[in-house]
Protein backbone atom coordinates (compact mmCIF):
# COMPACT_ATOMS: atom_id res chain seq x y z
CA UNK A 1 25.74 -5.69 31.47
CA UNK A 2 23.84 -4.31 28.47
CA UNK A 3 20.20 -3.48 29.06
CA UNK A 4 17.55 -3.77 26.38
CA UNK A 5 16.28 -0.51 24.97
CA UNK A 6 12.55 0.25 24.94
CA UNK A 7 11.02 -0.03 21.46
CA UNK A 8 8.18 1.89 19.84
CA UNK A 9 6.55 0.26 16.82
CA UNK A 10 4.23 1.90 14.31
CA UNK A 11 2.78 -1.33 12.93
CA UNK A 12 1.17 0.00 9.79
CA UNK A 13 -0.62 -1.68 6.91
CA UNK A 14 1.81 -0.10 4.44
CA UNK A 15 4.97 0.47 6.52
CA UNK A 16 6.53 -0.52 9.83
CA UNK A 17 8.55 2.12 11.70
CA UNK A 18 10.66 1.27 14.72
CA UNK A 19 11.72 3.83 17.30
CA UNK A 20 14.56 2.88 19.62
CA UNK A 21 14.75 4.80 22.88
CA UNK A 22 17.86 6.95 22.88
CA UNK A 23 18.45 6.49 19.14
CA UNK A 24 15.27 7.68 17.40
CA UNK A 25 13.72 6.08 14.30
CA UNK A 26 16.02 3.21 13.30
CA UNK A 27 13.84 1.41 10.75
CA UNK A 28 11.22 2.36 8.18
CA UNK A 29 10.30 -0.46 5.80
CA UNK A 30 7.23 -1.71 3.88
CA UNK A 31 5.01 -4.25 5.69
CA UNK A 32 5.64 -7.00 3.13
CA UNK A 33 6.90 -10.59 3.43
CA UNK A 34 7.93 -12.78 0.46
CA UNK A 35 7.45 -16.54 0.93
CA UNK A 36 7.86 -19.72 -1.11
CA UNK A 37 4.31 -20.96 -1.73
CA UNK A 38 5.06 -24.68 -1.26
CA UNK A 39 7.46 -24.67 1.69
CA UNK A 40 6.17 -21.42 3.31
CA UNK A 41 9.84 -20.47 3.72
CA UNK A 42 10.41 -16.72 4.10
CA UNK A 43 12.67 -15.36 1.35
CA UNK A 44 12.59 -11.62 2.05
CA UNK A 45 11.06 -9.07 4.41
CA UNK A 46 10.44 -5.33 4.07
CA UNK A 47 11.91 -3.28 1.21
CA UNK A 48 13.35 -6.33 -0.58
CA UNK A 49 9.99 -8.14 -0.43
CA UNK A 50 8.11 -5.00 -1.50
CA UNK A 51 10.12 -4.82 -4.72
CA UNK A 52 8.75 -8.29 -5.56
CA UNK A 53 5.05 -7.23 -5.37
CA UNK A 54 3.32 -8.22 -8.62
CA UNK A 55 6.62 -9.46 -10.09
CA UNK A 56 7.04 -12.95 -8.59
CA UNK A 57 6.95 -16.36 -10.29
CA UNK A 58 4.27 -18.87 -9.21
CA UNK A 59 6.53 -20.44 -6.57
CA UNK A 60 6.99 -17.15 -4.71
CA UNK A 61 4.36 -14.88 -3.20
CA UNK A 62 4.80 -11.35 -1.78
CA UNK A 63 2.25 -10.91 1.02
CA UNK A 64 1.11 -7.96 3.13
CA UNK A 65 0.39 -9.59 6.53
CA UNK A 66 -1.39 -6.47 7.85
CA UNK A 67 -4.81 -5.53 6.51
CA UNK A 68 -6.80 -2.43 7.50
CA UNK A 69 -4.47 -1.79 10.43
CA UNK A 70 -4.91 -5.25 11.97
CA UNK A 71 -3.15 -8.60 11.66
CA UNK A 72 -4.43 -10.63 8.69
CA UNK A 73 -1.72 -13.31 8.89
CA UNK A 74 -0.50 -13.88 12.45
CA UNK A 75 2.46 -16.14 11.61
CA UNK A 76 3.88 -13.81 8.95
CA UNK A 77 3.37 -10.72 11.13
CA UNK A 78 5.36 -12.41 13.89
CA UNK A 79 8.17 -13.33 11.44
CA UNK A 80 8.15 -9.79 10.01
CA UNK A 81 8.36 -8.17 13.47
CA UNK A 82 11.16 -10.52 14.49
CA UNK A 83 13.17 -9.67 11.37
CA UNK A 84 12.63 -5.94 11.77
CA UNK A 85 13.62 -5.97 15.46
CA UNK A 86 16.77 -7.90 14.49
CA UNK A 87 17.51 -5.37 11.74
CA UNK A 88 17.01 -2.49 14.15
CA UNK A 89 19.45 -4.17 16.57
CA UNK A 90 16.87 -3.57 19.27
CA UNK A 91 17.24 -6.87 21.09
CA UNK A 92 19.80 -7.53 23.79
CA UNK A 93 20.68 -10.88 25.36
CA UNK A 94 20.54 -9.91 29.02
CA UNK A 95 17.16 -8.17 29.38
CA UNK A 96 14.07 -8.12 27.23
CA UNK A 97 12.72 -4.79 25.96
CA UNK A 98 9.41 -3.08 26.67
CA UNK A 99 7.50 -2.59 23.43
CA UNK A 100 4.90 0.08 22.64
CA UNK A 101 2.74 -0.72 19.62
CA UNK A 102 0.22 1.61 18.01
CA UNK A 103 -3.09 0.39 16.62
CA UNK A 104 -6.16 2.02 15.02
CA UNK A 105 -9.01 3.21 17.25
CA UNK A 106 -12.15 1.04 17.38
CA UNK A 107 -10.34 -2.29 16.88
CA UNK A 108 -11.75 -5.26 18.78
CA UNK A 109 -10.19 -6.77 21.90
CA UNK A 110 -9.46 -9.94 19.88
CA UNK A 111 -7.49 -7.88 17.32
CA UNK A 112 -5.71 -6.05 20.15
CA UNK A 113 -4.76 -9.36 21.79
CA UNK A 114 -3.36 -10.64 18.48
CA UNK A 115 -1.06 -7.58 18.26
CA UNK A 116 0.07 -8.04 21.89
CA UNK A 117 0.71 -11.76 21.31
CA UNK A 118 2.76 -11.10 18.16
CA UNK A 119 4.91 -8.59 20.09
CA UNK A 120 5.33 -10.97 23.04
CA UNK A 121 6.54 -13.70 20.66
CA UNK A 122 9.41 -11.42 19.61
CA UNK A 123 10.70 -11.44 23.20
CA UNK A 124 9.11 -8.38 24.82
CA UNK A 125 9.00 -8.29 28.60
CA UNK A 126 6.01 -5.94 28.55
CA UNK A 127 3.77 -4.78 25.71
CA UNK A 128 1.86 -1.48 25.72
CA UNK A 129 -0.88 -0.70 23.21
CA UNK A 130 -1.79 2.88 22.33
CA UNK A 131 -4.30 4.27 19.84
CA UNK A 132 -2.70 5.65 16.71
CA UNK A 133 -4.33 9.11 16.48
CA UNK A 134 -3.34 9.87 20.09
CA UNK A 135 0.30 8.91 19.45
CA UNK A 136 0.26 10.77 16.10
CA UNK A 137 -1.01 13.93 17.86
CA UNK A 138 1.80 13.70 20.43
CA UNK A 139 4.35 13.11 17.64
CA UNK A 140 2.97 16.12 15.73
CA UNK A 141 3.81 18.30 18.73
CA UNK A 142 0.29 18.77 20.14
CA UNK A 143 -0.08 19.26 23.88
CA UNK A 144 -2.99 16.93 24.61
CA UNK A 145 -2.63 17.19 28.41
CA UNK A 146 -4.65 20.43 28.74
CA UNK A 147 -8.48 20.67 28.84
CA UNK A 148 -8.60 22.03 25.27
CA UNK A 149 -9.47 20.17 22.08
CA UNK A 150 -6.92 18.88 19.59
CA UNK A 151 -8.19 17.21 16.43
CA UNK A 152 -6.06 14.85 14.39
CA UNK A 153 -6.73 13.16 11.05
CA UNK A 154 -4.29 10.28 10.51
CA UNK A 155 -4.48 8.77 6.99
CA UNK A 156 -2.40 5.59 6.87
CA UNK A 157 -2.27 2.71 4.41
CA UNK A 158 -5.18 0.64 5.69
CA UNK A 159 -7.15 2.95 7.96
CA UNK A 160 -7.97 6.61 8.46
CA UNK A 161 -8.18 7.49 12.15
CA UNK A 162 -9.91 10.67 13.25
CA UNK A 163 -9.91 11.77 16.87
CA UNK A 164 -10.59 14.74 19.12
CA UNK A 165 -8.28 14.67 22.15
CA UNK A 166 -8.34 16.47 25.49
CA UNK A 167 -6.72 15.82 28.92
CA UNK A 168 -4.57 12.95 27.53
CA UNK A 169 -7.64 11.06 26.34
CA UNK A 170 -9.81 10.55 23.26
CA UNK A 171 -13.13 12.45 23.45
CA UNK A 172 -14.60 11.27 20.15
CA UNK A 173 -13.06 9.14 17.41
CA UNK A 174 -13.68 7.07 14.33
CA UNK A 175 -11.56 4.59 12.38
CA UNK A 176 -12.55 3.90 8.77
CA UNK A 177 -11.06 1.37 6.38
CA UNK A 178 -10.58 4.00 3.69
CA UNK A 179 -6.98 5.18 3.31
CA UNK A 180 -3.93 4.93 1.04
CA UNK A 181 -4.58 1.35 -0.13
CA UNK A 182 -8.24 2.09 -0.93
CA UNK A 183 -7.10 5.11 -2.97
CA UNK A 184 -4.75 2.85 -4.99
CA UNK A 185 -7.60 0.38 -5.60
CA UNK A 186 -9.92 3.20 -6.75
CA UNK A 187 -7.30 4.37 -9.27
CA UNK A 188 -6.93 0.77 -10.57
CA UNK A 189 -10.74 0.43 -10.82
CA UNK A 190 -11.18 3.79 -12.58
CA UNK A 191 -8.54 3.00 -15.25
CA UNK A 192 -9.87 -0.54 -15.72
CA UNK A 193 -13.45 0.68 -16.24
CA UNK A 194 -12.65 3.73 -18.38
CA UNK A 195 -9.75 2.43 -20.51
CA UNK A 196 -10.07 -1.38 -20.18
CA UNK A 197 -6.47 -1.31 -18.99
CA UNK A 198 -5.24 -3.29 -16.02
CA UNK A 199 -2.49 -1.66 -13.95
CA UNK A 200 -0.69 -2.95 -10.86
CA UNK A 201 -0.69 -1.58 -7.30
CA UNK A 202 2.81 -0.10 -7.72
CA UNK A 203 1.70 1.91 -10.77
CA UNK A 204 -1.46 3.08 -8.98
CA UNK A 205 0.58 4.20 -5.97
CA UNK A 206 2.97 6.11 -8.23
CA UNK A 207 -0.01 7.93 -9.81
CA UNK A 208 -1.37 8.80 -6.34
CA UNK A 209 1.95 10.05 -4.93
CA UNK A 210 3.54 11.76 -7.92
CA UNK A 211 0.67 12.90 -10.15
CA UNK A 212 -2.78 13.02 -8.53
CA UNK A 213 -4.33 16.33 -7.48
CA UNK A 214 -7.63 16.37 -5.58
CA UNK A 215 -8.27 20.09 -5.34
CA UNK A 216 -7.48 22.06 -8.47
CA UNK A 217 -6.03 19.67 -11.05
CA UNK A 218 -4.32 21.21 -14.06
CA UNK A 219 -6.16 20.44 -17.29
CA UNK A 220 -2.98 20.17 -19.35
CA UNK A 221 -1.12 17.87 -16.92
CA UNK A 222 -0.89 14.37 -18.41
CA UNK A 223 0.92 11.18 -17.46
CA UNK A 224 1.70 8.08 -19.49
CA UNK A 225 0.86 4.81 -17.78
CA UNK A 226 1.49 1.24 -18.91
CA UNK A 227 -0.51 -1.89 -18.22
CA UNK A 228 -2.27 -4.84 -19.84
CA UNK A 229 -5.07 -4.29 -22.34
CA UNK A 230 -8.04 -6.32 -21.08
CA UNK A 231 -9.42 -6.76 -24.61
CA UNK A 232 -6.28 -8.01 -26.35
CA UNK A 233 -4.24 -9.22 -23.35
CA UNK A 234 -1.25 -7.30 -24.73
CA UNK A 235 0.86 -4.58 -23.05
CA UNK A 236 -0.41 -1.07 -23.77
CA UNK A 237 0.36 2.55 -22.83
CA UNK A 238 -2.25 5.28 -22.37
CA UNK A 239 -2.27 8.89 -21.15
CA UNK A 240 -4.37 10.11 -18.24
CA UNK A 241 -5.06 13.66 -17.08
CA UNK A 242 -4.76 15.12 -13.60
CA UNK A 243 -8.51 15.85 -13.66
CA UNK A 244 -9.15 12.12 -13.98
CA UNK A 245 -7.20 11.44 -10.78
CA UNK A 246 -9.51 13.82 -8.90
CA UNK A 247 -12.47 11.92 -10.33
CA UNK A 248 -10.96 8.52 -9.42
CA UNK A 249 -10.32 9.54 -5.80
CA UNK A 250 -13.59 11.44 -5.23
CA UNK A 251 -15.35 8.52 -3.50
CA UNK A 252 -12.51 7.88 -1.01
CA UNK A 253 -12.29 11.56 -0.10
CA UNK A 254 -16.04 11.87 0.40
CA UNK A 255 -15.93 8.97 2.89
CA UNK A 256 -13.04 10.58 4.83
CA UNK A 257 -14.79 13.98 4.89
CA UNK A 258 -18.05 12.37 6.05
CA UNK A 259 -16.18 10.58 8.86
CA UNK A 260 -14.57 13.87 9.96
CA UNK A 261 -17.99 15.49 10.11
CA UNK A 262 -19.33 12.58 12.20
CA UNK A 263 -16.50 13.02 14.75
CA UNK A 264 -17.10 16.79 14.87
CA UNK A 265 -20.83 16.19 15.45
CA UNK A 266 -20.00 13.94 18.43
CA UNK A 267 -17.69 16.54 20.01
CA UNK A 268 -18.97 18.65 22.96
CA UNK A 269 -19.64 22.29 21.93
CA UNK A 270 -16.94 23.77 24.21
CA UNK A 271 -14.32 21.61 22.52
CA UNK A 272 -15.77 22.38 19.07
CA UNK A 273 -15.00 26.04 19.72
CA UNK A 274 -11.31 25.12 20.26
CA UNK A 275 -11.22 23.18 16.97
CA UNK A 276 -12.60 26.18 15.05
CA UNK A 277 -9.64 28.17 16.41
CA UNK A 278 -6.88 25.54 16.24
CA UNK A 279 -8.04 23.47 13.27
CA UNK A 280 -7.28 19.88 12.29
CA UNK A 281 -3.77 18.43 12.04
CA UNK A 282 -3.13 15.97 9.19
CA UNK A 283 -0.72 13.06 9.77
CA UNK A 284 0.10 9.79 7.98
CA UNK A 285 1.38 9.12 4.47
CA UNK A 286 -2.05 9.51 2.88
CA UNK A 287 -2.22 13.13 4.02
CA UNK A 288 0.54 14.02 1.51
CA UNK A 289 -1.94 13.72 -1.37
CA UNK A 290 -1.65 16.92 -3.45
CA UNK A 291 -4.56 19.30 -2.83
CA UNK A 292 -5.86 17.40 0.21
CA UNK A 293 -5.35 20.25 2.72
CA UNK A 294 -7.33 22.69 0.54
CA UNK A 295 -10.03 20.10 -0.23
CA UNK A 296 -10.52 19.32 3.48
CA UNK A 297 -10.58 23.02 4.43
CA UNK A 298 -13.25 23.71 1.84
CA UNK A 299 -15.41 20.79 3.03
CA UNK A 300 -15.01 21.27 6.81
CA UNK A 301 -14.83 25.11 6.89
CA UNK A 302 -12.15 25.03 9.62
CA UNK A 303 -8.35 25.41 9.37
CA UNK A 304 -6.54 22.26 8.17
CA UNK A 305 -2.80 22.04 8.81
CA UNK A 306 -0.17 19.49 7.83
CA UNK A 307 2.09 18.06 10.54
CA UNK A 308 5.79 18.83 10.05
CA UNK A 309 6.71 15.16 9.56
CA UNK A 310 3.42 13.38 8.67
CA UNK A 311 5.08 10.07 7.75
CA UNK A 312 6.89 9.65 11.07
CA UNK A 313 4.50 11.32 13.56
CA UNK A 314 3.37 8.02 15.11
CA UNK A 315 6.93 6.72 15.56
CA UNK A 316 8.03 10.06 17.04
CA UNK A 317 5.02 10.00 19.37
CA UNK A 318 6.12 6.51 20.48
CA UNK A 319 9.48 8.01 21.42
CA UNK A 320 7.89 10.75 23.54
CA UNK A 321 5.68 8.21 25.35
CA UNK A 322 8.58 5.83 25.96
CA UNK A 323 10.33 8.68 27.75
CA UNK A 324 7.29 9.02 29.98
CA UNK A 325 6.39 5.43 30.88
CA UNK A 326 4.17 6.63 33.78
CA UNK A 327 1.71 7.94 31.17
CA UNK A 328 1.72 4.56 29.43
CA UNK A 329 1.15 2.66 32.70
CA UNK A 330 -1.82 4.90 33.46
CA UNK A 331 -3.44 4.18 30.09
CA UNK A 332 -3.21 0.40 30.17
């Protein structure tokens, strides 16, 4: 008799990661589904669907079913989860698995129920929901069981989650809908307004990941980008500087910094003293932005450290919690 393995899912706006108990992270794919517009038939899911973003004919649409960390399209999220669980070979015929799913802090009970329902539809025997910054902190190697403060800043695709944790619980937290996707949109907006050039999300993301610098951009660093000239409608290439990327992302960063300050203001003074000593740990894909650590340190005047594996912290935290189900039972 083969028993089902427990599954941990980091259900992100940008990517879905699946952790299989005993095996580790077995899947890391974009949260994208490609469908035929007329028949609603699913053509591709994950990486294959992501490659179609902005490149599909009228009959096909590449859709991101998660928005700002919550389900925007229930049916497609369910299909996507089903496909990913199949790909991860996480389902067994004889018993159904327990599934742990991470969600942003401050989401409504209705949104939470939608996530639970989507997981149940994939054949889970029990679904646990945990808040993302808590799981990210555990995955980053923090010991949140002691009566000392641990602060985590988790910048994902749709949301930035900030939390101060102590004694296995969240003391103060905030979830803001300003993260990786908003940064991409700000780059698109900046280039459209300054150069009258329209670029796609994939180009904007490439600028953010491989070129942008938000602390001390180099004046001589330039990058060629291609798009559609809004005045002529024709393809066009321009050059942008690294300084312009700092300018384009300034608004997003200010909102994240302001949110961090709000969480720190809500934290009891005894715990604030711990944070001054231990600092803030950065997790999530958005935290890899060049110059972010230095920019945050300058603004918050406390140490800011990057987690060892920021992209997989939440999935790794799922694994640790799945090995200690008693903790999960206590939280539900």
